[in-house]
Amino acid sequence: MKYFNLTTSNDLDVIGYYPQVSNTENNLFGSPFSPKRINYGEIPEEIPYLGLQFNKDAKMTDLLATYNPYFGFLVSEKFKNIASNFHLPPHKFYPIKIVREDYLLDYFWFNFYDDLFNFIDLKKSTIEIYHKFNFNVLDAVSVGNKENFEKINSNLDFEKSIRLKELFLDNNFPKYDIMTNNIIGSGSFISEILMDSLNKNNITGFLATPSDIIKC
């Protein structure tokens, strides 16, 4: 399978204004006043109230760009219906209402997660150590095992960072059509077949760029 990096669009011709949505005053999701916090990787049955409003110059799209550090995506029902026909990791679509002027729009928070460490060939997969400021690659090393990876990451000085170079998925990988990158950093990957379906159905508000990291 071929995968692409998946993000929301930042093209103002498409989205009108960035961010497209922002929190309302009574939002509880991620708030220090919320009785419940949701951590990355958790998919609870219910979530704290997620109050959002469109910025006045933003356009309506099927995926929405936001400053807020939501994992997953804010998506339309049209996106939900298409994606639900594909092979998704453990996930949930949480219904939310987004205020636009004087009416409410139906959207969903699409929260999905599975631990990629369960499906990668650590001995074949490699990471790059690079300089944070000039981005020069300083070394490329095999991940080896999870403990070695964590040791490399914890021993980096403040001028260095790591990124994936090659991520080899083993035979146990469920061949998800969308997945989160929980190995290094953040972000999501989408399969070519799901990306093509989104394009065919004129889904708006997303950006998919080629990735040569994933090997399967």
C-alpha atoms as a PDB file:
ATOM      1  CA  MET A   1       0.000   0.000   0.000  1.00  0.00           C
ATOM      2  CA  LYS A   2       1.086   3.547  -0.674  1.00  0.00           C
ATOM      3  CA  TYR A   3       0.580   6.227   1.974  1.00  0.00           C
ATOM      4  CA  PHE A   4       0.468  10.018   2.019  1.00  0.00           C
ATOM      5  CA  ASN A   5       0.880  12.577   4.790  1.00  0.00           C
ATOM      6  CA  LEU A   6      -2.552  13.921   5.734  1.00  0.00           C
ATOM      7  CA  THR A   7      -3.216  17.402   7.114  1.00  0.00           C
ATOM      8  CA  THR A   8      -5.937  20.018   6.888  1.00  0.00           C
ATOM      9  CA  SER A   9      -5.539  22.556   4.102  1.00  0.00           C
ATOM     10  CA  ASN A  10      -3.943  25.949   4.764  1.00  0.00           C
ATOM     11  CA  ASP A  11      -4.818  27.279   1.294  1.00  0.00           C
ATOM     12  CA  LEU A  12      -6.857  30.440   1.884  1.00  0.00           C
ATOM     13  CA  ASP A  13      -8.532  30.040  -1.515  1.00  0.00           C
ATOM     14  CA  VAL A  14     -10.001  26.810  -0.131  1.00  0.00           C
ATOM     15  CA  ILE A  15     -10.577  27.606   3.553  1.00  0.00           C
ATOM     16  CA  GLY A  16     -11.034  31.388   3.418  1.00  0.00           C
ATOM     17  CA  TYR A  17      -9.408  32.086   6.777  1.00  0.00           C
ATOM     18  CA  TYR A  18      -7.053  30.280   9.139  1.00  0.00           C
ATOM     19  CA  PRO A  19      -8.098  28.940  11.539  1.00  0.00           C
ATOM     20  CA  GLN A  20     -11.550  28.193  10.220  1.00  0.00           C
ATOM     21  CA  VAL A  21     -12.981  27.530  13.675  1.00  0.00           C
ATOM     22  CA  SER A  22     -12.151  28.562  17.220  1.00  0.00           C
ATOM     23  CA  ASN A  23     -13.469  27.804  20.702  1.00  0.00           C
ATOM     24  CA  THR A  24     -16.608  29.402  22.052  1.00  0.00           C
ATOM     25  CA  GLU A  25     -16.619  30.835  25.577  1.00  0.00           C
ATOM     26  CA  ASN A  26     -18.457  27.813  26.979  1.00  0.00           C
ATOM     27  CA  ASN A  27     -16.155  25.207  25.431  1.00  0.00           C
ATOM     28  CA  LEU A  28     -15.003  22.559  27.928  1.00  0.00           C
ATOM     29  CA  PHE A  29     -12.921  20.302  25.682  1.00  0.00           C
ATOM     30  CA  GLY A  30      -9.300  20.700  26.764  1.00  0.00           C
ATOM     31  CA  SER A  31     -10.263  23.377  29.268  1.00  0.00           C
ATOM     32  CA  PRO A  32      -8.678  23.388  32.755  1.00  0.00           C
ATOM     33  CA  PHE A  33     -12.250  23.750  34.046  1.00  0.00           C
ATOM     34  CA  SER A  34     -13.400  20.509  32.419  1.00  0.00           C
ATOM     35  CA  PRO A  35     -14.219  17.640  34.813  1.00  0.00           C
ATOM     36  CA  LYS A  36     -12.632  15.217  32.332  1.00  0.00           C
ATOM     37  CA  ARG A  37      -9.517  15.357  30.175  1.00  0.00           C
ATOM     38  CA  ILE A  38      -8.897  13.156  27.147  1.00  0.00           C
ATOM     39  CA  ASN A  39      -5.344  12.032  26.518  1.00  0.00           C
ATOM     40  CA  TYR A  40      -3.815  11.154  23.170  1.00  0.00           C
ATOM     41  CA  GLY A  41      -4.688   7.541  22.368  1.00  0.00           C
ATOM     42  CA  GLU A  42      -7.898   7.480  24.409  1.00  0.00           C
ATOM     43  CA  ILE A  43     -11.229   6.912  22.653  1.00  0.00           C
ATOM     44  CA  PRO A  44     -13.899   7.380  25.337  1.00  0.00           C
ATOM     45  CA  GLU A  45     -17.619   6.897  24.856  1.00  0.00           C
ATOM     46  CA  GLU A  46     -18.309  10.569  25.571  1.00  0.00           C
ATOM     47  CA  ILE A  47     -16.293  13.785  25.471  1.00  0.00           C
ATOM     48  CA  PRO A  48     -16.559  17.120  27.311  1.00  0.00           C
ATOM     49  CA  TYR A  49     -18.602  19.756  25.506  1.00  0.00           C
ATOM     50  CA  LEU A  50     -16.703  20.869  22.406  1.00  0.00           C
ATOM     51  CA  GLY A  51     -17.961  24.364  21.618  1.00  0.00           C
ATOM     52  CA  LEU A  52     -16.735  25.791  18.312  1.00  0.00           C
ATOM     53  CA  GLN A  53     -17.632  28.665  16.029  1.00  0.00           C
ATOM     54  CA  PHE A  54     -16.691  29.520  12.470  1.00  0.00           C
ATOM     55  CA  ASN A  55     -14.554  32.585  11.982  1.00  0.00           C
ATOM     56  CA  LYS A  56     -16.519  35.076   9.917  1.00  0.00           C
ATOM     57  CA  ASP A  57     -14.289  34.906   6.819  1.00  0.00           C
ATOM     58  CA  ALA A  58     -13.842  31.130   6.843  1.00  0.00           C
ATOM     59  CA  LYS A  59     -15.349  28.907   4.173  1.00  0.00           C
ATOM     60  CA  MET A  60     -17.169  25.672   4.935  1.00  0.00           C
ATOM     61  CA  THR A  61     -15.120  22.585   4.062  1.00  0.00           C
ATOM     62  CA  ASP A  62     -15.329  18.884   4.893  1.00  0.00           C
ATOM     63  CA  LEU A  63     -12.228  19.006   7.097  1.00  0.00           C
ATOM     64  CA  LEU A  64     -11.704  22.074   9.251  1.00  0.00           C
ATOM     65  CA  ALA A  65      -8.444  23.750  10.229  1.00  0.00           C
ATOM     66  CA  THR A  66      -8.020  24.903  13.827  1.00  0.00           C
ATOM     67  CA  TYR A  67      -5.266  26.237  16.085  1.00  0.00           C
ATOM     68  CA  ASN A  68      -6.359  23.959  18.878  1.00  0.00           C
ATOM     69  CA  PRO A  69      -4.275  20.821  19.405  1.00  0.00           C
ATOM     70  CA  TYR A  70      -7.002  18.288  18.683  1.00  0.00           C
ATOM     71  CA  PHE A  71      -5.721  14.899  17.697  1.00  0.00           C
ATOM     72  CA  GLY A  72      -7.825  13.494  14.899  1.00  0.00           C
ATOM     73  CA  PHE A  73      -9.856  15.784  12.650  1.00  0.00           C
ATOM     74  CA  LEU A  74     -13.010  17.901  12.609  1.00  0.00           C
ATOM     75  CA  VAL A  75     -15.009  16.456   9.710  1.00  0.00           C
ATOM     76  CA  SER A  76     -18.330  16.703   7.910  1.00  0.00           C
ATOM     77  CA  GLU A  77     -20.949  13.964   7.730  1.00  0.00           C
ATOM     78  CA  LYS A  78     -20.018  13.478   4.081  1.00  0.00           C
ATOM     79  CA  PHE A  79     -16.419  12.676   5.064  1.00  0.00           C
ATOM     80  CA  LYS A  80     -17.683  10.381   7.846  1.00  0.00           C
ATOM     81  CA  ASN A  81     -19.876   8.406   5.454  1.00  0.00           C
ATOM     82  CA  ILE A  82     -17.031   7.874   2.991  1.00  0.00           C
ATOM     83  CA  ALA A  83     -14.343   7.025   5.549  1.00  0.00           C
ATOM     84  CA  SER A  84     -16.631   4.564   7.336  1.00  0.00           C
ATOM     85  CA  ASN A  85     -16.492   2.307   4.268  1.00  0.00           C
ATOM     86  CA  PHE A  86     -12.716   1.898   4.643  1.00  0.00           C
ATOM     87  CA  HIS A  87     -10.470   0.021   7.054  1.00  0.00           C
ATOM     88  CA  LEU A  88     -10.093   2.331  10.039  1.00  0.00           C
ATOM     89  CA  PRO A  89      -8.188   1.824  13.293  1.00  0.00           C
ATOM     90  CA  PRO A  90     -10.103   1.922  16.595  1.00  0.00           C
ATOM     91  CA  HIS A  91     -12.048   5.170  16.348  1.00  0.00           C
ATOM     92  CA  LYS A  92     -15.173   7.153  17.106  1.00  0.00           C
ATOM     93  CA  PHE A  93     -17.014   9.997  15.384  1.00  0.00           C
ATOM     94  CA  TYR A  94     -18.327  12.361  18.078  1.00  0.00           C
ATOM     95  CA  PRO A  95     -21.224  14.592  16.914  1.00  0.00           C
ATOM     96  CA  ILE A  96     -20.610  18.292  17.522  1.00  0.00           C
ATOM     97  CA  LYS A  97     -22.383  21.535  16.635  1.00  0.00           C
ATOM     98  CA  ILE A  98     -20.443  24.452  15.182  1.00  0.00           C
ATOM     99  CA  VAL A  99     -21.886  27.955  15.311  1.00  0.00           C
ATOM    100  CA  ARG A 100     -21.941  29.883  12.037  1.00  0.00           C
ATOM    101  CA  GLU A 101     -23.534  33.311  12.355  1.00  0.00           C
ATOM    102  CA  ASP A 102     -26.982  32.566  13.808  1.00  0.00           C
ATOM    103  CA  TYR A 103     -27.319  28.854  13.036  1.00  0.00           C
ATOM    104  CA  LEU A 104     -25.667  25.544  13.933  1.00  0.00           C
ATOM    105  CA  LEU A 105     -23.842  23.149  11.622  1.00  0.00           C
ATOM    106  CA  ASP A 106     -23.430  19.418  12.181  1.00  0.00           C
ATOM    107  CA  TYR A 107     -19.837  18.170  12.239  1.00  0.00           C
ATOM    108  CA  PHE A 108     -17.911  15.375  13.938  1.00  0.00           C
ATOM    109  CA  TRP A 109     -14.688  15.057  15.847  1.00  0.00           C
ATOM    110  CA  PHE A 110     -12.994  12.027  14.256  1.00  0.00           C
ATOM    111  CA  ASN A 111     -10.764  10.485  16.922  1.00  0.00           C
ATOM    112  CA  PHE A 112      -8.720   7.439  15.839  1.00  0.00           C
ATOM    113  CA  TYR A 113      -5.704   5.615  17.221  1.00  0.00           C
ATOM    114  CA  ASP A 114      -3.700   2.422  17.235  1.00  0.00           C
ATOM    115  CA  ASP A 115      -0.142   2.012  18.494  1.00  0.00           C
ATOM    116  CA  LEU A 116       2.102   1.614  15.434  1.00  0.00           C
ATOM    117  CA  PHE A 117       4.817   0.160  17.652  1.00  0.00           C
ATOM    118  CA  ASN A 118       2.717  -3.028  17.576  1.00  0.00           C
ATOM    119  CA  PHE A 119       3.146  -3.356  13.825  1.00  0.00           C
ATOM    120  CA  ILE A 120       6.619  -2.144  12.869  1.00  0.00           C
ATOM    121  CA  ASP A 121       9.757  -4.096  12.108  1.00  0.00           C
ATOM    122  CA  LEU A 122      12.037  -2.273  14.522  1.00  0.00           C
ATOM    123  CA  LYS A 123      15.235  -3.856  13.247  1.00  0.00           C
ATOM    124  CA  LYS A 124      14.643  -2.689   9.662  1.00  0.00           C
ATOM    125  CA  SER A 125      13.130   0.711  10.476  1.00  0.00           C
ATOM    126  CA  THR A 126      15.503   3.682  10.684  1.00  0.00           C
ATOM    127  CA  ILE A 127      15.532   7.157  12.177  1.00  0.00           C
ATOM    128  CA  GLU A 128      17.580  10.242  11.370  1.00  0.00           C
ATOM    129  CA  ILE A 129      19.262  12.406  13.965  1.00  0.00           C
ATOM    130  CA  TYR A 130      19.370  15.985  12.693  1.00  0.00           C
ATOM    131  CA  HIS A 131      20.364  19.476  13.807  1.00  0.00           C
ATOM    132  CA  LYS A 132      17.303  21.473  14.888  1.00  0.00           C
ATOM    133  CA  PHE A 133      18.554  24.777  13.528  1.00  0.00           C
ATOM    134  CA  ASN A 134      20.207  24.017  10.178  1.00  0.00           C
ATOM    135  CA  PHE A 135      18.387  20.672   9.652  1.00  0.00           C
ATOM    136  CA  ASN A 136      21.587  18.890   8.605  1.00  0.00           C
ATOM    137  CA  VAL A 137      21.388  15.113   9.032  1.00  0.00           C
ATOM    138  CA  LEU A 138      23.950  14.038  11.626  1.00  0.00           C
ATOM    139  CA  ASP A 139      23.332  10.289  11.673  1.00  0.00           C
ATOM    140  CA  ALA A 140      20.942   7.552  10.556  1.00  0.00           C
ATOM    141  CA  VAL A 141      20.467   4.587  12.863  1.00  0.00           C
ATOM    142  CA  SER A 142      18.336   1.475  13.147  1.00  0.00           C
ATOM    143  CA  VAL A 143      15.559   1.680  15.709  1.00  0.00           C
ATOM    144  CA  GLY A 144      16.521  -1.797  16.926  1.00  0.00           C
ATOM    145  CA  ASN A 145      13.899  -2.062  19.648  1.00  0.00           C
ATOM    146  CA  LYS A 146      11.540   0.218  21.546  1.00  0.00           C
ATOM    147  CA  GLU A 147      13.918   0.559  24.498  1.00  0.00           C
ATOM    148  CA  ASN A 148      16.788   1.588  22.202  1.00  0.00           C
ATOM    149  CA  PHE A 149      14.549   4.113  20.466  1.00  0.00           C
ATOM    150  CA  GLU A 150      13.538   5.659  23.794  1.00  0.00           C
ATOM    151  CA  LYS A 151      17.185   5.752  24.913  1.00  0.00           C
ATOM    152  CA  ILE A 152      18.297   7.556  21.735  1.00  0.00           C
ATOM    153  CA  ASN A 153      15.468  10.055  22.068  1.00  0.00           C
ATOM    154  CA  SER A 154      16.126  10.782  25.746  1.00  0.00           C
ATOM    155  CA  ASN A 155      19.891  11.258  25.255  1.00  0.00           C
ATOM    156  CA  LEU A 156      19.644  13.963  22.571  1.00  0.00           C
ATOM    157  CA  ASP A 157      21.015  17.381  23.476  1.00  0.00           C
ATOM    158  CA  PHE A 158      18.947  20.519  22.897  1.00  0.00           C
ATOM    159  CA  GLU A 159      20.374  21.130  19.394  1.00  0.00           C
ATOM    160  CA  LYS A 160      19.388  17.706  18.066  1.00  0.00           C
ATOM    161  CA  SER A 161      16.149  15.983  17.216  1.00  0.00           C
ATOM    162  CA  ILE A 162      15.010  12.807  15.466  1.00  0.00           C
ATOM    163  CA  ARG A 163      12.616  11.979  12.663  1.00  0.00           C
ATOM    164  CA  LEU A 164      11.520   8.883  10.817  1.00  0.00           C
ATOM    165  CA  LYS A 165      13.527   7.884   7.773  1.00  0.00           C
ATOM    166  CA  GLU A 166      12.003   4.493   6.960  1.00  0.00           C
ATOM    167  CA  LEU A 167       9.153   2.785   8.789  1.00  0.00           C
ATOM    168  CA  PHE A 168       8.818  -0.880   7.848  1.00  0.00           C
ATOM    169  CA  LEU A 169       5.445  -2.390   8.761  1.00  0.00           C
ATOM    170  CA  ASP A 170       5.372  -6.107   9.526  1.00  0.00           C
ATOM    171  CA  ASN A 171       2.938  -8.802   8.391  1.00  0.00           C
ATOM    172  CA  ASN A 172       0.676  -8.165  11.387  1.00  0.00           C
ATOM    173  CA  PHE A 173      -0.144  -4.631  10.253  1.00  0.00           C
ATOM    174  CA  PRO A 174      -3.937  -4.411   9.642  1.00  0.00           C
ATOM    175  CA  LYS A 175      -3.453  -2.227   6.526  1.00  0.00           C
ATOM    176  CA  TYR A 176      -5.423   0.693   7.877  1.00  0.00           C
ATOM    177  CA  ASP A 177      -6.511   3.350   5.403  1.00  0.00           C
ATOM    178  CA  ILE A 178      -5.798   6.105   7.914  1.00  0.00           C
ATOM    179  CA  MET A 179      -3.543   6.114  10.976  1.00  0.00           C
ATOM    180  CA  THR A 180      -1.765   8.392  13.393  1.00  0.00           C
ATOM    181  CA  ASN A 181       2.004   8.732  13.609  1.00  0.00           C
ATOM    182  CA  ASN A 182       2.642   7.981  17.265  1.00  0.00           C
ATOM    183  CA  ILE A 183       6.262   6.903  16.676  1.00  0.00           C
ATOM    184  CA  ILE A 184       7.921  10.312  16.371  1.00  0.00           C
ATOM    185  CA  GLY A 185       6.180  13.660  16.457  1.00  0.00           C
ATOM    186  CA  SER A 186       2.597  13.760  15.289  1.00  0.00           C
ATOM    187  CA  GLY A 187       0.552  13.794  12.118  1.00  0.00           C
ATOM    188  CA  SER A 188      -1.459  11.263  10.173  1.00  0.00           C
ATOM    189  CA  PHE A 189      -1.062   9.001   7.167  1.00  0.00           C
ATOM    190  CA  ILE A 190      -3.752   8.177   4.599  1.00  0.00           C
ATOM    191  CA  SER A 191      -3.789   5.360   2.055  1.00  0.00           C
ATOM    192  CA  GLU A 192      -3.833   6.147  -1.632  1.00  0.00           C
ATOM    193  CA  ILE A 193      -7.157   4.361  -2.071  1.00  0.00           C
ATOM    194  CA  LEU A 194      -8.909   6.453   0.603  1.00  0.00           C
ATOM    195  CA  MET A 195      -7.284   9.635  -0.682  1.00  0.00           C
ATOM    196  CA  ASP A 196      -8.526   8.868  -4.208  1.00  0.00           C
ATOM    197  CA  SER A 197     -12.039   8.285  -2.885  1.00  0.00           C
ATOM    198  CA  LEU A 198     -12.010  11.630  -1.060  1.00  0.00           C
ATOM    199  CA  ASN A 199     -10.890  13.397  -4.222  1.00  0.00           C
ATOM    200  CA  LYS A 200     -13.448  11.551  -6.360  1.00  0.00           C
ATOM    201  CA  ASN A 201     -16.215  12.654  -4.005  1.00  0.00           C
ATOM    202  CA  ASN A 202     -14.987  16.270  -3.908  1.00  0.00           C
ATOM    203  CA  ILE A 203     -14.102  16.259  -0.216  1.00  0.00           C
ATOM    204  CA  THR A 204     -12.628  19.653   0.655  1.00  0.00           C
ATOM    205  CA  GLY A 205     -10.279  21.018   3.291  1.00  0.00           C
ATOM    206  CA  PHE A 206      -7.553  18.379   3.303  1.00  0.00           C
ATOM    207  CA  LEU A 207      -4.021  18.204   1.967  1.00  0.00           C
ATOM    208  CA  ALA A 208      -2.315  14.904   1.119  1.00  0.00           C
ATOM    209  CA  THR A 209       1.379  14.975   0.232  1.00  0.00           C
ATOM    210  CA  PRO A 210       3.535  12.024  -0.865  1.00  0.00           C
ATOM    211  CA  SER A 211       5.426  10.171   1.849  1.00  0.00           C
ATOM    212  CA  ASP A 212       8.284   7.754   1.223  1.00  0.00           C
ATOM    213  CA  ILE A 213       8.625   6.862   4.909  1.00  0.00           C
ATOM    214  CA  ILE A 214       6.211   3.928   5.177  1.00  0.00           C
ATOM    215  CA  LYS A 215       7.286   0.603   3.703  1.00  0.00           C
ATOM    216  CA  CYS A 216       4.804  -2.257   3.572  1.00  0.00           C
END
